[in-house]
Amino acid sequence: MSTKELLQYCLEKKGVFIDYTFGNDYITIKTKSAKSEKSRIFAEFYTLNGKEIFTFSTDVDTALTLRLEYPESITRGWHCPPTQAKYKSTAIIADIPDELLKNLADTSYARAIDKLK
């Protein structure tokens, strides 16, 4: 799956929009609360060391499992402070199977929606 395809997959979800929270070369995908103006990031896309990167959120156990299963391709959230790093992970898009990428996007979206409630 290409970065463009994964980005499009994320944008098909209800109530999402693109933002450039961290600058023009760093795409953040946010979901907005249906009841307020609050929003929450659930996916981030950028280039790091020449590789297309996707940052997402899961529960702590899933994050640790993914990092053990894909040690060269999924690491703790690249830019995240320690309190977020246990939930946020950074993946090299080209190294991860398509279905897993979609699952990670879905999980991250669901977590963002839950936090907006």
N, C-alpha and C. Protein backbone atom coordinates (compact mmCIF):
# COMPACT_ATOMS: atom_id res chain seq x y z
N MET A 1 0.85 -1.17 0.00
CA MET A 1 0.00 0.00 0.00
C MET A 1 0.90 1.24 0.00
N SER A 2 0.56 2.17 -0.82
CA SER A 2 1.34 3.41 -0.88
C SER A 2 0.87 4.38 0.21
N THR A 3 1.67 5.38 0.45
CA THR A 3 1.30 6.42 1.40
C THR A 3 0.01 7.09 0.96
N LYS A 4 -0.09 7.37 -0.32
CA LYS A 4 -1.29 8.02 -0.86
C LYS A 4 -2.54 7.16 -0.62
N GLU A 5 -2.42 5.86 -0.82
CA GLU A 5 -3.56 4.96 -0.61
C GLU A 5 -3.95 4.90 0.87
N LEU A 6 -2.97 4.83 1.76
CA LEU A 6 -3.27 4.79 3.19
C LEU A 6 -3.87 6.13 3.65
N LEU A 7 -3.35 7.21 3.14
CA LEU A 7 -3.89 8.53 3.46
C LEU A 7 -5.35 8.61 3.01
N GLN A 8 -5.63 8.15 1.81
CA GLN A 8 -7.01 8.16 1.29
C GLN A 8 -7.91 7.27 2.15
N TYR A 9 -7.41 6.13 2.56
CA TYR A 9 -8.18 5.23 3.43
C TYR A 9 -8.57 5.95 4.73
N CYS A 10 -7.63 6.67 5.30
CA CYS A 10 -7.91 7.42 6.53
C CYS A 10 -8.94 8.52 6.29
N LEU A 11 -8.84 9.19 5.15
CA LEU A 11 -9.74 10.30 4.85
C LEU A 11 -11.17 9.86 4.56
N GLU A 12 -11.39 8.59 4.32
CA GLU A 12 -12.74 8.08 4.05
C GLU A 12 -13.56 7.89 5.34
N LYS A 13 -12.93 8.04 6.47
CA LYS A 13 -13.62 7.85 7.74
C LYS A 13 -14.48 9.08 8.07
N LYS A 14 -15.51 8.85 8.85
CA LYS A 14 -16.46 9.90 9.20
C LYS A 14 -15.81 11.00 10.05
N GLY A 15 -16.04 12.25 9.66
CA GLY A 15 -15.63 13.40 10.45
C GLY A 15 -14.15 13.70 10.46
N VAL A 16 -13.40 13.23 9.47
CA VAL A 16 -11.96 13.47 9.47
C VAL A 16 -11.57 14.60 8.52
N PHE A 17 -10.42 15.17 8.79
CA PHE A 17 -9.90 16.23 7.92
C PHE A 17 -8.38 16.28 8.05
N ILE A 18 -7.74 16.88 7.05
CA ILE A 18 -6.29 17.05 7.03
C ILE A 18 -5.95 18.35 7.75
N ASP A 19 -4.87 18.28 8.51
CA ASP A 19 -4.33 19.48 9.14
C ASP A 19 -2.81 19.39 9.01
N TYR A 20 -2.16 20.49 9.16
CA TYR A 20 -0.70 20.53 9.11
C TYR A 20 -0.19 21.07 10.44
N THR A 21 -0.56 20.39 11.50
CA THR A 21 -0.27 20.79 12.88
C THR A 21 1.21 21.05 13.12
N PHE A 22 2.07 20.26 12.51
CA PHE A 22 3.51 20.35 12.78
C PHE A 22 4.30 20.88 11.58
N GLY A 23 3.64 21.49 10.61
CA GLY A 23 4.32 22.07 9.45
C GLY A 23 3.83 21.49 8.14
N ASN A 24 4.23 22.12 7.05
CA ASN A 24 3.74 21.77 5.72
C ASN A 24 4.15 20.39 5.21
N ASP A 25 5.22 19.84 5.73
CA ASP A 25 5.70 18.53 5.28
C ASP A 25 5.25 17.40 6.20
N TYR A 26 4.31 17.69 7.07
CA TYR A 26 3.88 16.74 8.09
C TYR A 26 2.36 16.75 8.14
N ILE A 27 1.75 15.75 7.52
CA ILE A 27 0.28 15.69 7.43
C ILE A 27 -0.28 15.03 8.68
N THR A 28 -1.21 15.70 9.31
CA THR A 28 -1.94 15.08 10.41
C THR A 28 -3.38 14.89 9.98
N ILE A 29 -3.93 13.75 10.33
CA ILE A 29 -5.33 13.46 10.05
C ILE A 29 -6.05 13.51 11.40
N LYS A 30 -7.05 14.35 11.47
CA LYS A 30 -7.79 14.53 12.72
C LYS A 30 -9.24 14.12 12.53
N THR A 31 -9.86 13.76 13.62
CA THR A 31 -11.29 13.52 13.64
C THR A 31 -11.90 14.55 14.58
N LYS A 32 -13.07 14.99 14.22
CA LYS A 32 -13.73 16.06 14.97
C LYS A 32 -14.90 15.51 15.76
N SER A 33 -15.10 16.06 16.93
CA SER A 33 -16.24 15.68 17.76
C SER A 33 -17.53 16.13 17.11
N ALA A 34 -18.55 15.30 17.19
CA ALA A 34 -19.85 15.66 16.65
C ALA A 34 -20.55 16.69 17.52
N LYS A 35 -20.15 16.78 18.78
CA LYS A 35 -20.84 17.65 19.74
C LYS A 35 -20.10 18.95 20.05
N SER A 36 -18.84 19.06 19.66
CA SER A 36 -18.09 20.27 19.96
C SER A 36 -17.08 20.53 18.84
N GLU A 37 -16.29 21.55 19.03
CA GLU A 37 -15.26 21.90 18.04
C GLU A 37 -13.94 21.18 18.30
N LYS A 38 -13.90 20.32 19.30
CA LYS A 38 -12.68 19.61 19.63
C LYS A 38 -12.32 18.61 18.53
N SER A 39 -11.04 18.41 18.34
CA SER A 39 -10.58 17.41 17.39
C SER A 39 -9.40 16.68 18.00
N ARG A 40 -9.07 15.55 17.37
CA ARG A 40 -7.99 14.72 17.89
C ARG A 40 -7.24 14.09 16.71
N ILE A 41 -5.92 14.11 16.77
CA ILE A 41 -5.10 13.47 15.73
C ILE A 41 -5.21 11.96 15.87
N PHE A 42 -5.39 11.27 14.73
CA PHE A 42 -5.33 9.81 14.79
C PHE A 42 -4.33 9.21 13.82
N ALA A 43 -3.82 10.00 12.88
CA ALA A 43 -2.81 9.49 11.95
C ALA A 43 -1.90 10.64 11.54
N GLU A 44 -0.63 10.30 11.35
CA GLU A 44 0.36 11.29 10.94
C GLU A 44 1.20 10.69 9.83
N PHE A 45 1.47 11.50 8.81
CA PHE A 45 2.23 11.05 7.65
C PHE A 45 3.37 12.04 7.38
N TYR A 46 4.57 11.51 7.21
CA TYR A 46 5.72 12.35 6.93
C TYR A 46 6.85 11.49 6.39
N THR A 47 7.92 12.12 5.98
CA THR A 47 9.10 11.41 5.49
C THR A 47 10.20 11.56 6.54
N LEU A 48 10.81 10.44 6.87
CA LEU A 48 11.89 10.42 7.86
C LEU A 48 13.02 9.56 7.30
N ASN A 49 14.19 10.14 7.19
CA ASN A 49 15.35 9.43 6.64
C ASN A 49 15.05 8.81 5.28
N GLY A 50 14.29 9.54 4.45
CA GLY A 50 13.97 9.10 3.10
C GLY A 50 12.88 8.04 3.01
N LYS A 51 12.22 7.73 4.13
CA LYS A 51 11.17 6.71 4.14
C LYS A 51 9.83 7.34 4.52
N GLU A 52 8.78 6.86 3.87
CA GLU A 52 7.43 7.33 4.17
C GLU A 52 6.97 6.69 5.47
N ILE A 53 6.50 7.52 6.39
CA ILE A 53 6.21 7.10 7.76
C ILE A 53 4.74 7.35 8.09
N PHE A 54 4.22 6.49 8.96
CA PHE A 54 2.84 6.57 9.46
C PHE A 54 2.91 6.42 10.98
N THR A 55 2.39 7.40 11.71
CA THR A 55 2.33 7.30 13.16
C THR A 55 0.87 7.12 13.57
N PHE A 56 0.63 6.22 14.50
CA PHE A 56 -0.73 5.82 14.88
C PHE A 56 -0.75 5.51 16.37
N SER A 57 -1.94 5.27 16.91
CA SER A 57 -2.10 4.99 18.33
C SER A 57 -2.81 3.66 18.55
N THR A 58 -2.33 2.91 19.55
CA THR A 58 -2.97 1.65 19.95
C THR A 58 -2.93 1.58 21.48
N ASP A 59 -3.39 0.49 22.04
CA ASP A 59 -3.20 0.30 23.48
C ASP A 59 -1.74 -0.13 23.71
N VAL A 60 -1.31 -0.09 24.94
CA VAL A 60 0.08 -0.36 25.28
C VAL A 60 0.52 -1.76 24.86
N ASP A 61 -0.29 -2.77 25.14
CA ASP A 61 0.09 -4.15 24.81
C ASP A 61 0.25 -4.35 23.31
N THR A 62 -0.65 -3.80 22.54
CA THR A 62 -0.56 -3.92 21.08
C THR A 62 0.69 -3.21 20.57
N ALA A 63 0.96 -2.02 21.10
CA ALA A 63 2.16 -1.28 20.68
C ALA A 63 3.41 -2.11 20.93
N LEU A 64 3.53 -2.69 22.10
CA LEU A 64 4.71 -3.50 22.43
C LEU A 64 4.81 -4.73 21.54
N THR A 65 3.69 -5.38 21.30
CA THR A 65 3.67 -6.57 20.43
C THR A 65 4.12 -6.22 19.01
N LEU A 66 3.58 -5.13 18.47
CA LEU A 66 3.95 -4.71 17.12
C LEU A 66 5.44 -4.39 17.03
N ARG A 67 5.97 -3.73 18.02
CA ARG A 67 7.39 -3.37 18.02
C ARG A 67 8.30 -4.59 18.11
N LEU A 68 7.83 -5.63 18.79
CA LEU A 68 8.58 -6.89 18.85
C LEU A 68 8.47 -7.67 17.55
N GLU A 69 7.28 -7.66 16.96
CA GLU A 69 7.05 -8.41 15.72
C GLU A 69 7.72 -7.76 14.51
N TYR A 70 7.79 -6.43 14.49
CA TYR A 70 8.38 -5.68 13.38
C TYR A 70 9.46 -4.73 13.91
N PRO A 71 10.53 -5.25 14.50
CA PRO A 71 11.51 -4.39 15.18
C PRO A 71 12.22 -3.38 14.29
N GLU A 72 12.35 -3.67 13.02
CA GLU A 72 13.02 -2.75 12.10
C GLU A 72 12.05 -1.77 11.45
N SER A 73 10.76 -2.03 11.58
CA SER A 73 9.76 -1.25 10.85
C SER A 73 8.76 -0.49 11.70
N ILE A 74 8.56 -0.94 12.94
CA ILE A 74 7.64 -0.24 13.85
C ILE A 74 8.39 0.06 15.14
N THR A 75 8.44 1.33 15.47
CA THR A 75 9.15 1.78 16.66
C THR A 75 8.23 2.68 17.49
N ARG A 76 8.68 3.05 18.67
CA ARG A 76 7.87 3.96 19.48
C ARG A 76 7.68 5.26 18.69
N GLY A 77 6.62 5.97 18.98
CA GLY A 77 6.32 7.20 18.26
C GLY A 77 7.54 8.10 18.14
N TRP A 78 7.94 8.36 16.93
CA TRP A 78 9.20 9.04 16.63
C TRP A 78 9.33 10.37 17.36
N HIS A 79 8.31 11.15 17.38
CA HIS A 79 8.37 12.51 17.93
C HIS A 79 7.67 12.64 19.28
N CYS A 80 7.17 11.55 19.80
CA CYS A 80 6.27 11.59 20.96
C CYS A 80 7.02 11.71 22.29
N PRO A 81 6.46 12.50 23.21
CA PRO A 81 7.03 12.51 24.56
C PRO A 81 6.79 11.16 25.23
N PRO A 82 7.55 10.83 26.26
CA PRO A 82 7.45 9.50 26.90
C PRO A 82 6.03 9.10 27.32
N THR A 83 5.21 10.04 27.76
CA THR A 83 3.86 9.68 28.18
C THR A 83 3.00 9.19 27.02
N GLN A 84 3.25 9.70 25.81
CA GLN A 84 2.51 9.26 24.63
C GLN A 84 3.17 8.08 23.93
N ALA A 85 4.48 7.94 24.10
CA ALA A 85 5.24 6.94 23.34
C ALA A 85 4.81 5.51 23.63
N LYS A 86 4.20 5.25 24.77
CA LYS A 86 3.76 3.89 25.04
C LYS A 86 2.51 3.54 24.22
N TYR A 87 1.80 4.53 23.72
CA TYR A 87 0.60 4.32 22.91
C TYR A 87 0.85 4.57 21.41
N LYS A 88 1.70 5.52 21.12
CA LYS A 88 1.95 5.91 19.73
C LYS A 88 3.13 5.14 19.17
N SER A 89 2.96 4.68 17.95
CA SER A 89 4.02 3.97 17.25
C SER A 89 4.21 4.58 15.87
N THR A 90 5.41 4.42 15.35
CA THR A 90 5.77 4.92 14.04
C THR A 90 6.15 3.73 13.17
N ALA A 91 5.55 3.66 11.97
CA ALA A 91 5.80 2.53 11.06
C ALA A 91 6.31 3.03 9.71
N ILE A 92 7.19 2.25 9.13
CA ILE A 92 7.62 2.48 7.74
C ILE A 92 6.55 1.85 6.87
N ILE A 93 5.83 2.64 6.13
CA ILE A 93 4.66 2.18 5.38
C ILE A 93 5.01 1.03 4.43
N ALA A 94 6.09 1.14 3.70
CA ALA A 94 6.44 0.12 2.70
C ALA A 94 6.75 -1.24 3.30
N ASP A 95 7.05 -1.29 4.59
CA ASP A 95 7.44 -2.55 5.24
C ASP A 95 6.28 -3.31 5.88
N ILE A 96 5.10 -2.71 5.92
CA ILE A 96 3.98 -3.28 6.67
C ILE A 96 2.91 -3.78 5.70
N PRO A 97 2.35 -4.99 5.94
CA PRO A 97 1.30 -5.51 5.06
C PRO A 97 0.08 -4.56 5.03
N ASP A 98 -0.55 -4.50 3.87
CA ASP A 98 -1.69 -3.59 3.65
C ASP A 98 -2.78 -3.75 4.69
N GLU A 99 -3.18 -4.98 4.95
CA GLU A 99 -4.29 -5.21 5.89
C GLU A 99 -3.93 -4.75 7.30
N LEU A 100 -2.68 -4.92 7.68
CA LEU A 100 -2.25 -4.46 9.00
C LEU A 100 -2.27 -2.93 9.05
N LEU A 101 -1.82 -2.27 8.00
CA LEU A 101 -1.88 -0.81 7.96
C LEU A 101 -3.31 -0.31 8.13
N LYS A 102 -4.24 -0.94 7.43
CA LYS A 102 -5.65 -0.55 7.55
C LYS A 102 -6.16 -0.79 8.97
N ASN A 103 -5.79 -1.92 9.54
CA ASN A 103 -6.19 -2.23 10.91
C ASN A 103 -5.64 -1.21 11.90
N LEU A 104 -4.41 -0.81 11.71
CA LEU A 104 -3.79 0.17 12.60
C LEU A 104 -4.47 1.53 12.47
N ALA A 105 -4.82 1.90 11.24
CA ALA A 105 -5.55 3.16 11.03
C ALA A 105 -6.93 3.09 11.69
N ASP A 106 -7.60 1.96 11.55
CA ASP A 106 -8.93 1.78 12.16
C ASP A 106 -8.84 1.86 13.69
N THR A 107 -7.85 1.20 14.25
CA THR A 107 -7.67 1.19 15.70
C THR A 107 -7.38 2.59 16.21
N SER A 108 -6.50 3.29 15.54
CA SER A 108 -6.13 4.64 15.96
C SER A 108 -7.34 5.58 15.86
N TYR A 109 -8.12 5.44 14.80
CA TYR A 109 -9.34 6.26 14.63
C TYR A 109 -10.32 5.98 15.78
N ALA A 110 -10.54 4.72 16.08
CA ALA A 110 -11.47 4.34 17.15
C ALA A 110 -11.01 4.91 18.49
N ARG A 111 -9.71 4.88 18.75
CA ARG A 111 -9.19 5.43 20.00
C ARG A 111 -9.42 6.95 20.06
N ALA A 112 -9.22 7.62 18.94
CA ALA A 112 -9.44 9.08 18.91
C ALA A 112 -10.91 9.41 19.15
N ILE A 113 -11.79 8.66 18.52
CA ILE A 113 -13.24 8.88 18.71
C ILE A 113 -13.61 8.67 20.18
N ASP A 114 -13.10 7.61 20.78
CA ASP A 114 -13.41 7.32 22.19
C ASP A 114 -12.95 8.46 23.10
N LYS A 115 -11.80 9.04 22.80
CA LYS A 115 -11.27 10.12 23.63
C LYS A 115 -12.04 11.43 23.46
N LEU A 116 -12.75 11.57 22.36
CA LEU A 116 -13.54 12.77 22.13
C LEU A 116 -14.90 12.72 22.84
N LYS A 117 -15.30 11.53 23.28
CA LYS A 117 -16.61 11.38 23.91
C LYS A 117 -16.62 11.92 25.31
